[in-house]
Amino acid sequence: ISGWLIAPRSLDALTGGIRYFLENSARFVEMTGAARSRIERKFSFQARTSGQMEIYEMLARDRA
């Protein structure tokens, strides 16, 4: 959805991936948008703050 993996240490996989990218560049543009959306959603200031508050609340409950 937001990225593409190829087999490590494989020249064939790497050249195949590059070829696929060149032939299907519109698909990779879609993936970039999906990746950006995921990053903005999961790592926004609000998301990080909410995650920290959950940790603080859990620690406060454990101490009570």
Protein backbone atom coordinates (compact mmCIF):
# COMPACT_ATOMS: atom_id res chain seq x y z
CA ILE A 1 0.00 0.00 0.00
CA SER A 2 2.69 2.48 0.98
CA GLY A 3 5.89 0.80 -0.10
CA TRP A 4 7.41 -2.07 -1.98
CA LEU A 5 9.99 -4.59 -0.82
CA ILE A 6 12.36 -6.61 -2.93
CA ALA A 7 14.50 -9.57 -1.95
CA PRO A 8 17.78 -8.55 -0.33
CA ARG A 9 21.12 -9.22 -2.00
CA SER A 10 19.48 -10.09 -5.31
CA LEU A 11 20.58 -8.26 -8.41
CA ASP A 12 17.67 -9.78 -10.35
CA ALA A 13 15.17 -8.53 -7.76
CA LEU A 14 16.73 -5.07 -7.77
CA THR A 15 16.80 -4.72 -11.55
CA GLY A 16 13.27 -6.16 -11.74
CA GLY A 17 12.10 -3.64 -9.16
CA ILE A 18 13.66 -0.75 -11.04
CA ARG A 19 12.11 -1.97 -14.28
CA TYR A 20 8.71 -2.32 -12.61
CA PHE A 21 9.02 1.22 -11.21
CA LEU A 22 9.89 2.66 -14.62
CA GLU A 23 6.98 0.86 -16.27
CA ASN A 24 4.46 1.63 -13.49
CA SER A 25 5.52 4.99 -12.09
CA ALA A 26 1.88 6.06 -11.49
CA ARG A 27 1.53 3.18 -9.01
CA PHE A 28 4.52 4.46 -7.07
CA VAL A 29 3.04 7.96 -6.98
CA GLU A 30 -0.07 6.39 -5.37
CA MET A 31 2.14 4.60 -2.83
CA THR A 32 3.89 7.85 -1.94
CA GLY A 33 0.54 9.46 -1.19
CA ALA A 34 -0.49 6.48 0.95
CA ALA A 35 2.81 6.59 2.83
CA ARG A 36 2.51 10.31 3.49
CA SER A 37 -1.06 9.90 4.70
CA ARG A 38 -0.05 7.10 7.07
CA ILE A 39 2.86 9.09 8.49
CA GLU A 40 0.70 12.17 9.01
CA ARG A 41 -2.01 10.07 10.69
CA LYS A 42 0.20 7.92 12.94
CA PHE A 43 2.92 10.42 13.79
CA SER A 44 1.09 13.75 13.96
CA PHE A 45 1.47 15.89 17.06
CA GLN A 46 -2.00 14.77 18.18
CA ALA A 47 -1.21 11.07 17.68
CA ARG A 48 2.09 11.33 19.57
CA THR A 49 0.49 13.31 22.41
CA SER A 50 -2.35 10.78 22.73
CA GLY A 51 0.16 7.93 22.88
CA GLN A 52 2.14 9.68 25.60
CA MET A 53 -1.02 10.36 27.61
CA GLU A 54 -1.95 6.67 27.44
CA ILE A 55 1.46 5.76 28.85
CA TYR A 56 1.19 8.34 31.66
CA GLU A 57 -2.32 7.13 32.53
CA MET A 58 -1.15 3.50 32.62
CA LEU A 59 1.79 4.42 34.87
CA ALA A 60 -0.47 6.43 37.17
CA ARG A 61 -2.90 3.49 37.48
CA ASP A 62 -0.05 1.11 38.26
CA ARG A 63 1.18 3.34 41.07
CA ALA A 64 -2.24 3.66 42.68
